[in-house]
């Protein structure tokens, strides 16, 4: 499964919301420094979709707010 996710780092609370257009919005507590926000995003998605973290991959947008994520099931 491929997801398009917009990331908002430095949020007050961590949450994942699906938008009306089918994309996702991730509010992350971590700052976008040294991959901390990406690591938090992978952990959040693994919990949400009940898969191991190793099955969640950032395909594009590693340093951008808009990311394409692949989740293997």
PDB file of N, CA and C in Angstrom:
ATOM      1  N   UNK A   1       0.851  -1.166   0.000  1.00  0.00           N
ATOM      2  CA  UNK A   1       0.000   0.000   0.000  1.00  0.00           C
ATOM      3  C   UNK A   1       0.902   1.235   0.000  1.00  0.00           C
ATOM      4  N   UNK A   2       0.559   2.221  -0.823  1.00  0.00           N
ATOM      5  CA  UNK A   2       1.302   3.478  -0.909  1.00  0.00           C
ATOM      6  C   UNK A   2       0.426   4.597  -0.342  1.00  0.00           C
ATOM      7  N   UNK A   3       0.969   5.375   0.584  1.00  0.00           N
ATOM      8  CA  UNK A   3       0.235   6.479   1.198  1.00  0.00           C
ATOM      9  C   UNK A   3       0.943   7.793   0.906  1.00  0.00           C
ATOM     10  N   UNK A   4       0.163   8.837   0.686  1.00  0.00           N
ATOM     11  CA  UNK A   4       0.710  10.188   0.580  1.00  0.00           C
ATOM     12  C   UNK A   4       0.433  10.865   1.915  1.00  0.00           C
ATOM     13  N   UNK A   5       1.499  11.329   2.571  1.00  0.00           N
ATOM     14  CA  UNK A   5       1.371  11.878   3.920  1.00  0.00           C
ATOM     15  C   UNK A   5       2.021  13.250   3.996  1.00  0.00           C
ATOM     16  N   UNK A   6       1.283  14.212   4.546  1.00  0.00           N
ATOM     17  CA  UNK A   6       1.855  15.525   4.839  1.00  0.00           C
ATOM     18  C   UNK A   6       2.205  15.531   6.316  1.00  0.00           C
ATOM     19  N   UNK A   7       3.430  15.917   6.618  1.00  0.00           N
ATOM     20  CA  UNK A   7       3.942  15.859   7.987  1.00  0.00           C
ATOM     21  C   UNK A   7       4.010  17.261   8.585  1.00  0.00           C
ATOM     22  N   UNK A   8       3.538  17.377   9.816  1.00  0.00           N
ATOM     23  CA  UNK A   8       3.654  18.626  10.576  1.00  0.00           C
ATOM     24  C   UNK A   8       4.461  18.323  11.831  1.00  0.00           C
ATOM     25  N   UNK A   9       5.782  18.618  11.809  1.00  0.00           N
ATOM     26  CA  UNK A   9       6.614  18.368  12.994  1.00  0.00           C
ATOM     27  C   UNK A   9       6.386  19.408  14.083  1.00  0.00           C
ATOM     28  N   UNK A  10       6.912  19.139  15.256  1.00  0.00           N
ATOM     29  CA  UNK A  10       6.818  20.028  16.424  1.00  0.00           C
ATOM     30  C   UNK A  10       5.380  20.286  16.875  1.00  0.00           C
ATOM     31  N   UNK A  11       4.501  19.307  16.699  1.00  0.00           N
ATOM     32  CA  UNK A  11       3.109  19.453  17.136  1.00  0.00           C
ATOM     33  C   UNK A  11       3.016  19.196  18.644  1.00  0.00           C
ATOM     34  N   UNK A  12       1.942  19.681  19.250  1.00  0.00           N
ATOM     35  CA  UNK A  12       1.760  19.483  20.688  1.00  0.00           C
ATOM     36  C   UNK A  12       1.382  18.038  21.007  1.00  0.00           C
ATOM     37  N   UNK A  13       0.605  17.419  20.122  1.00  0.00           N
ATOM     38  CA  UNK A  13       0.253  16.019  20.342  1.00  0.00           C
ATOM     39  C   UNK A  13       0.422  15.237  19.049  1.00  0.00           C
ATOM     40  N   UNK A  14       0.696  13.952  19.216  1.00  0.00           N
ATOM     41  CA  UNK A  14       0.929  13.075  18.079  1.00  0.00           C
ATOM     42  C   UNK A  14      -0.403  12.498  17.604  1.00  0.00           C
ATOM     43  N   UNK A  15      -0.705  12.650  16.290  1.00  0.00           N
ATOM     44  CA  UNK A  15      -1.913  12.034  15.756  1.00  0.00           C
ATOM     45  C   UNK A  15      -1.787  11.867  14.253  1.00  0.00           C
ATOM     46  N   UNK A  16      -2.619  10.991  13.713  1.00  0.00           N
ATOM     47  CA  UNK A  16      -2.633  10.681  12.297  1.00  0.00           C
ATOM     48  C   UNK A  16      -4.078  10.790  11.825  1.00  0.00           C
ATOM     49  N   UNK A  17      -4.315  11.644  10.812  1.00  0.00           N
ATOM     50  CA  UNK A  17      -5.674  11.876  10.321  1.00  0.00           C
ATOM     51  C   UNK A  17      -5.749  11.606   8.825  1.00  0.00           C
ATOM     52  N   UNK A  18      -6.831  10.951   8.400  1.00  0.00           N
ATOM     53  CA  UNK A  18      -7.043  10.777   6.961  1.00  0.00           C
ATOM     54  C   UNK A  18      -7.877  11.949   6.455  1.00  0.00           C
ATOM     55  N   UNK A  19      -7.421  12.556   5.355  1.00  0.00           N
ATOM     56  CA  UNK A  19      -8.094  13.707   4.763  1.00  0.00           C
ATOM     57  C   UNK A  19      -9.183  13.244   3.797  1.00  0.00           C
ATOM     58  N   UNK A  20     -10.054  14.147   3.389  1.00  0.00           N
ATOM     59  CA  UNK A  20     -11.164  13.830   2.497  1.00  0.00           C
ATOM     60  C   UNK A  20     -10.691  13.326   1.135  1.00  0.00           C
ATOM     61  N   UNK A  21      -9.510  13.793   0.684  1.00  0.00           N
ATOM     62  CA  UNK A  21      -9.001  13.378  -0.628  1.00  0.00           C
ATOM     63  C   UNK A  21      -8.244  12.051  -0.579  1.00  0.00           C
ATOM     64  N   UNK A  22      -8.200  11.395   0.571  1.00  0.00           N
ATOM     65  CA  UNK A  22      -7.538  10.100   0.699  1.00  0.00           C
ATOM     66  C   UNK A  22      -6.101  10.193   1.185  1.00  0.00           C
ATOM     67  N   UNK A  23      -5.543  11.400   1.231  1.00  0.00           N
ATOM     68  CA  UNK A  23      -4.181  11.560   1.754  1.00  0.00           C
ATOM     69  C   UNK A  23      -4.244  11.576   3.283  1.00  0.00           C
ATOM     70  N   UNK A  24      -3.083  11.601   3.906  1.00  0.00           N
ATOM     71  CA  UNK A  24      -3.005  11.568   5.361  1.00  0.00           C
ATOM     72  C   UNK A  24      -2.259  12.792   5.868  1.00  0.00           C
ATOM     73  N   UNK A  25      -2.569  13.195   7.089  1.00  0.00           N
ATOM     74  CA  UNK A  25      -1.890  14.291   7.765  1.00  0.00           C
ATOM     75  C   UNK A  25      -1.360  13.747   9.088  1.00  0.00           C
ATOM     76  N   UNK A  26      -0.046  13.853   9.285  1.00  0.00           N
ATOM     77  CA  UNK A  26       0.587  13.344  10.507  1.00  0.00           C
ATOM     78  C   UNK A  26       1.104  14.511  11.334  1.00  0.00           C
ATOM     79  N   UNK A  27       0.628  14.613  12.560  1.00  0.00           N
ATOM     80  CA  UNK A  27       1.120  15.597  13.513  1.00  0.00           C
ATOM     81  C   UNK A  27       2.148  14.868  14.388  1.00  0.00           C
ATOM     82  N   UNK A  28       3.393  15.327  14.353  1.00  0.00           N
ATOM     83  CA  UNK A  28       4.476  14.668  15.070  1.00  0.00           C
ATOM     84  C   UNK A  28       5.081  15.601  16.114  1.00  0.00           C
ATOM     85  N   UNK A  29       5.422  15.053  17.274  1.00  0.00           N
ATOM     86  CA  UNK A  29       6.035  15.845  18.342  1.00  0.00           C
ATOM     87  C   UNK A  29       7.496  16.151  18.053  1.00  0.00           C
ATOM     88  N   UNK A  30       8.167  15.277  17.336  1.00  0.00           N
ATOM     89  CA  UNK A  30       9.603  15.414  17.095  1.00  0.00           C
ATOM     90  C   UNK A  30       9.923  16.557  16.142  1.00  0.00           C
ATOM     91  N   UNK A  31      11.092  17.159  16.308  1.00  0.00           N
ATOM     92  CA  UNK A  31      11.535  18.183  15.350  1.00  0.00           C
ATOM     93  C   UNK A  31      12.101  17.510  14.101  1.00  0.00           C
ATOM     94  N   UNK A  32      12.126  18.219  12.983  1.00  0.00           N
ATOM     95  CA  UNK A  32      12.666  17.634  11.749  1.00  0.00           C
ATOM     96  C   UNK A  32      14.196  17.712  11.716  1.00  0.00           C
ATOM     97  N   UNK A  33      14.841  17.126  12.711  1.00  0.00           N
ATOM     98  CA  UNK A  33      16.298  17.185  12.850  1.00  0.00           C
ATOM     99  C   UNK A  33      16.840  15.764  12.995  1.00  0.00           C
ATOM    100  N   UNK A  34      17.883  15.452  12.263  1.00  0.00           N
ATOM    101  CA  UNK A  34      18.571  14.149  12.350  1.00  0.00           C
ATOM    102  C   UNK A  34      17.635  12.958  12.166  1.00  0.00           C
ATOM    103  N   UNK A  35      16.590  13.114  11.369  1.00  0.00           N
ATOM    104  CA  UNK A  35      15.682  12.007  11.084  1.00  0.00           C
ATOM    105  C   UNK A  35      14.735  11.651  12.211  1.00  0.00           C
ATOM    106  N   UNK A  36      14.650  12.479  13.248  1.00  0.00           N
ATOM    107  CA  UNK A  36      13.781  12.171  14.393  1.00  0.00           C
ATOM    108  C   UNK A  36      12.308  12.138  13.989  1.00  0.00           C
ATOM    109  N   UNK A  37      11.864  13.096  13.172  1.00  0.00           N
ATOM    110  CA  UNK A  37      10.465  13.130  12.748  1.00  0.00           C
ATOM    111  C   UNK A  37      10.154  11.931  11.850  1.00  0.00           C
ATOM    112  N   UNK A  38      11.071  11.560  10.973  1.00  0.00           N
ATOM    113  CA  UNK A  38      10.853  10.398  10.109  1.00  0.00           C
ATOM    114  C   UNK A  38      10.741   9.117  10.926  1.00  0.00           C
ATOM    115  N   UNK A  39      11.585   8.967  11.937  1.00  0.00           N
ATOM    116  CA  UNK A  39      11.527   7.787  12.803  1.00  0.00           C
ATOM    117  C   UNK A  39      10.200   7.736  13.561  1.00  0.00           C
ATOM    118  N   UNK A  40       9.745   8.886  14.039  1.00  0.00           N
ATOM    119  CA  UNK A  40       8.456   8.934  14.745  1.00  0.00           C
ATOM    120  C   UNK A  40       7.313   8.600  13.791  1.00  0.00           C
ATOM    121  N   UNK A  41       7.387   9.086  12.551  1.00  0.00           N
ATOM    122  CA  UNK A  41       6.358   8.799  11.557  1.00  0.00           C
ATOM    123  C   UNK A  41       6.287   7.303  11.263  1.00  0.00           C
ATOM    124  N   UNK A  42       7.429   6.661  11.083  1.00  0.00           N
ATOM    125  CA  UNK A  42       7.458   5.220  10.812  1.00  0.00           C
ATOM    126  C   UNK A  42       6.852   4.447  11.980  1.00  0.00           C
ATOM    127  N   UNK A  43       7.188   4.829  13.199  1.00  0.00           N
ATOM    128  CA  UNK A  43       6.637   4.161  14.392  1.00  0.00           C
ATOM    129  C   UNK A  43       5.116   4.350  14.469  1.00  0.00           C
ATOM    130  N   UNK A  44       4.658   5.563  14.208  1.00  0.00           N
ATOM    131  CA  UNK A  44       3.227   5.872  14.258  1.00  0.00           C
ATOM    132  C   UNK A  44       2.453   5.068  13.209  1.00  0.00           C
ATOM    133  N   UNK A  45       2.981   4.997  11.993  1.00  0.00           N
ATOM    134  CA  UNK A  45       2.315   4.242  10.927  1.00  0.00           C
ATOM    135  C   UNK A  45       2.314   2.746  11.211  1.00  0.00           C
ATOM    136  N   UNK A  46       3.405   2.231  11.753  1.00  0.00           N
ATOM    137  CA  UNK A  46       3.470   0.806  12.097  1.00  0.00           C
ATOM    138  C   UNK A  46       2.410   0.455  13.138  1.00  0.00           C
ATOM    139  N   UNK A  47       2.225   1.327  14.125  1.00  0.00           N
ATOM    140  CA  UNK A  47       1.189   1.100  15.145  1.00  0.00           C
ATOM    141  C   UNK A  47      -0.198   1.185  14.527  1.00  0.00           C
ATOM    142  N   UNK A  48      -0.439   2.191  13.693  1.00  0.00           N
ATOM    143  CA  UNK A  48      -1.765   2.421  13.102  1.00  0.00           C
ATOM    144  C   UNK A  48      -2.210   1.274  12.206  1.00  0.00           C
ATOM    145  N   UNK A  49      -1.270   0.728  11.416  1.00  0.00           N
ATOM    146  CA  UNK A  49      -1.607  -0.329  10.471  1.00  0.00           C
ATOM    147  C   UNK A  49      -1.214  -1.720  10.963  1.00  0.00           C
ATOM    148  N   UNK A  50      -0.787  -1.829  12.210  1.00  0.00           N
ATOM    149  CA  UNK A  50      -0.458  -3.102  12.861  1.00  0.00           C
ATOM    150  C   UNK A  50       0.534  -3.935  12.051  1.00  0.00           C
ATOM    151  N   UNK A  51       1.642  -3.292  11.678  1.00  0.00           N
ATOM    152  CA  UNK A  51       2.728  -3.987  10.980  1.00  0.00           C
ATOM    153  C   UNK A  51       4.034  -3.663  11.702  1.00  0.00           C
ATOM    154  N   UNK A  52       5.060  -4.488  11.514  1.00  0.00           N
ATOM    155  CA  UNK A  52       6.365  -4.150  12.090  1.00  0.00           C
ATOM    156  C   UNK A  52       6.954  -2.901  11.434  1.00  0.00           C
ATOM    157  N   UNK A  53       7.787  -2.166  12.172  1.00  0.00           N
ATOM    158  CA  UNK A  53       8.400  -0.946  11.631  1.00  0.00           C
ATOM    159  C   UNK A  53       9.227  -1.239  10.383  1.00  0.00           C
ATOM    160  N   UNK A  54       9.757  -2.453  10.284  1.00  0.00           N
ATOM    161  CA  UNK A  54      10.589  -2.811   9.130  1.00  0.00           C
ATOM    162  C   UNK A  54       9.788  -2.865   7.827  1.00  0.00           C
ATOM    163  N   UNK A  55       8.459  -2.916   7.909  1.00  0.00           N
ATOM    164  CA  UNK A  55       7.617  -2.977   6.718  1.00  0.00           C
ATOM    165  C   UNK A  55       7.114  -1.600   6.285  1.00  0.00           C
ATOM    166  N   UNK A  56       7.560  -0.543   6.949  1.00  0.00           N
ATOM    167  CA  UNK A  56       7.183   0.829   6.598  1.00  0.00           C
ATOM    168  C   UNK A  56       8.420   1.522   6.027  1.00  0.00           C
ATOM    169  N   UNK A  57       8.305   2.009   4.777  1.00  0.00           N
ATOM    170  CA  UNK A  57       9.442   2.618   4.088  1.00  0.00           C
ATOM    171  C   UNK A  57       9.052   3.982   3.530  1.00  0.00           C
ATOM    172  N   UNK A  58       9.927   4.962   3.690  1.00  0.00           N
ATOM    173  CA  UNK A  58       9.724   6.265   3.060  1.00  0.00           C
ATOM    174  C   UNK A  58      10.300   6.167   1.655  1.00  0.00           C
ATOM    175  N   UNK A  59       9.415   6.188   0.642  1.00  0.00           N
ATOM    176  CA  UNK A  59       9.839   6.037  -0.747  1.00  0.00           C
ATOM    177  C   UNK A  59      10.377   7.345  -1.319  1.00  0.00           C
ATOM    178  N   UNK A  60       9.745   8.461  -0.981  1.00  0.00           N
ATOM    179  CA  UNK A  60      10.238   9.763  -1.444  1.00  0.00           C
ATOM    180  C   UNK A  60       9.828  10.830  -0.443  1.00  0.00           C
ATOM    181  N   UNK A  61      10.566  11.926  -0.452  1.00  0.00           N
ATOM    182  CA  UNK A  61      10.262  13.040   0.438  1.00  0.00           C
ATOM    183  C   UNK A  61      10.892  12.926   1.801  1.00  0.00           C
ATOM    184  N   UNK A  62      12.017  12.235   1.906  1.00  0.00           N
ATOM    185  CA  UNK A  62      12.683  12.047   3.196  1.00  0.00           C
ATOM    186  C   UNK A  62      12.977  13.348   3.927  1.00  0.00           C
ATOM    187  N   UNK A  63      13.270  14.424   3.175  1.00  0.00           N
ATOM    188  CA  UNK A  63      13.578  15.712   3.798  1.00  0.00           C
ATOM    189  C   UNK A  63      12.485  16.747   3.532  1.00  0.00           C
ATOM    190  N   UNK A  64      11.328  16.303   3.032  1.00  0.00           N
ATOM    191  CA  UNK A  64      10.234  17.218   2.697  1.00  0.00           C
ATOM    192  C   UNK A  64       9.035  16.976   3.614  1.00  0.00           C
ATOM    193  N   UNK A  65       8.092  17.903   3.594  1.00  0.00           N
ATOM    194  CA  UNK A  65       6.881  17.737   4.398  1.00  0.00           C
ATOM    195  C   UNK A  65       5.905  16.751   3.749  1.00  0.00           C
ATOM    196  N   UNK A  66       5.948  16.641   2.428  1.00  0.00           N
ATOM    197  CA  UNK A  66       5.065  15.726   1.703  1.00  0.00           C
ATOM    198  C   UNK A  66       5.851  14.470   1.371  1.00  0.00           C
ATOM    199  N   UNK A  67       5.381  13.324   1.851  1.00  0.00           N
ATOM    200  CA  UNK A  67       6.117  12.070   1.701  1.00  0.00           C
ATOM    201  C   UNK A  67       5.249  10.993   1.065  1.00  0.00           C
ATOM    202  N   UNK A  68       5.895  10.089   0.335  1.00  0.00           N
ATOM    203  CA  UNK A  68       5.242   8.881  -0.142  1.00  0.00           C
ATOM    204  C   UNK A  68       5.773   7.732   0.710  1.00  0.00           C
ATOM    205  N   UNK A  69       4.855   6.998   1.318  1.00  0.00           N
ATOM    206  CA  UNK A  69       5.212   5.925   2.238  1.00  0.00           C
ATOM    207  C   UNK A  69       4.681   4.613   1.683  1.00  0.00           C
ATOM    208  N   UNK A  70       5.519   3.577   1.717  1.00  0.00           N
ATOM    209  CA  UNK A  70       5.075   2.238   1.322  1.00  0.00           C
ATOM    210  C   UNK A  70       4.963   1.382   2.567  1.00  0.00           C
ATOM    211  N   UNK A  71       3.817   0.707   2.694  1.00  0.00           N
ATOM    212  CA  UNK A  71       3.584  -0.199   3.811  1.00  0.00           C
ATOM    213  C   UNK A  71       3.348  -1.595   3.228  1.00  0.00           C
ATOM    214  N   UNK A  72       4.218  -2.536   3.570  1.00  0.00           N
ATOM    215  CA  UNK A  72       4.089  -3.921   3.114  1.00  0.00           C
ATOM    216  C   UNK A  72       3.180  -4.665   4.064  1.00  0.00           C
ATOM    217  N   UNK A  73       2.268  -5.443   3.498  1.00  0.00           N
ATOM    218  CA  UNK A  73       1.339  -6.183   4.365  1.00  0.00           C
ATOM    219  C   UNK A  73       1.552  -7.666   4.224  1.00  0.00           C
TER     220      UNK A  73
END
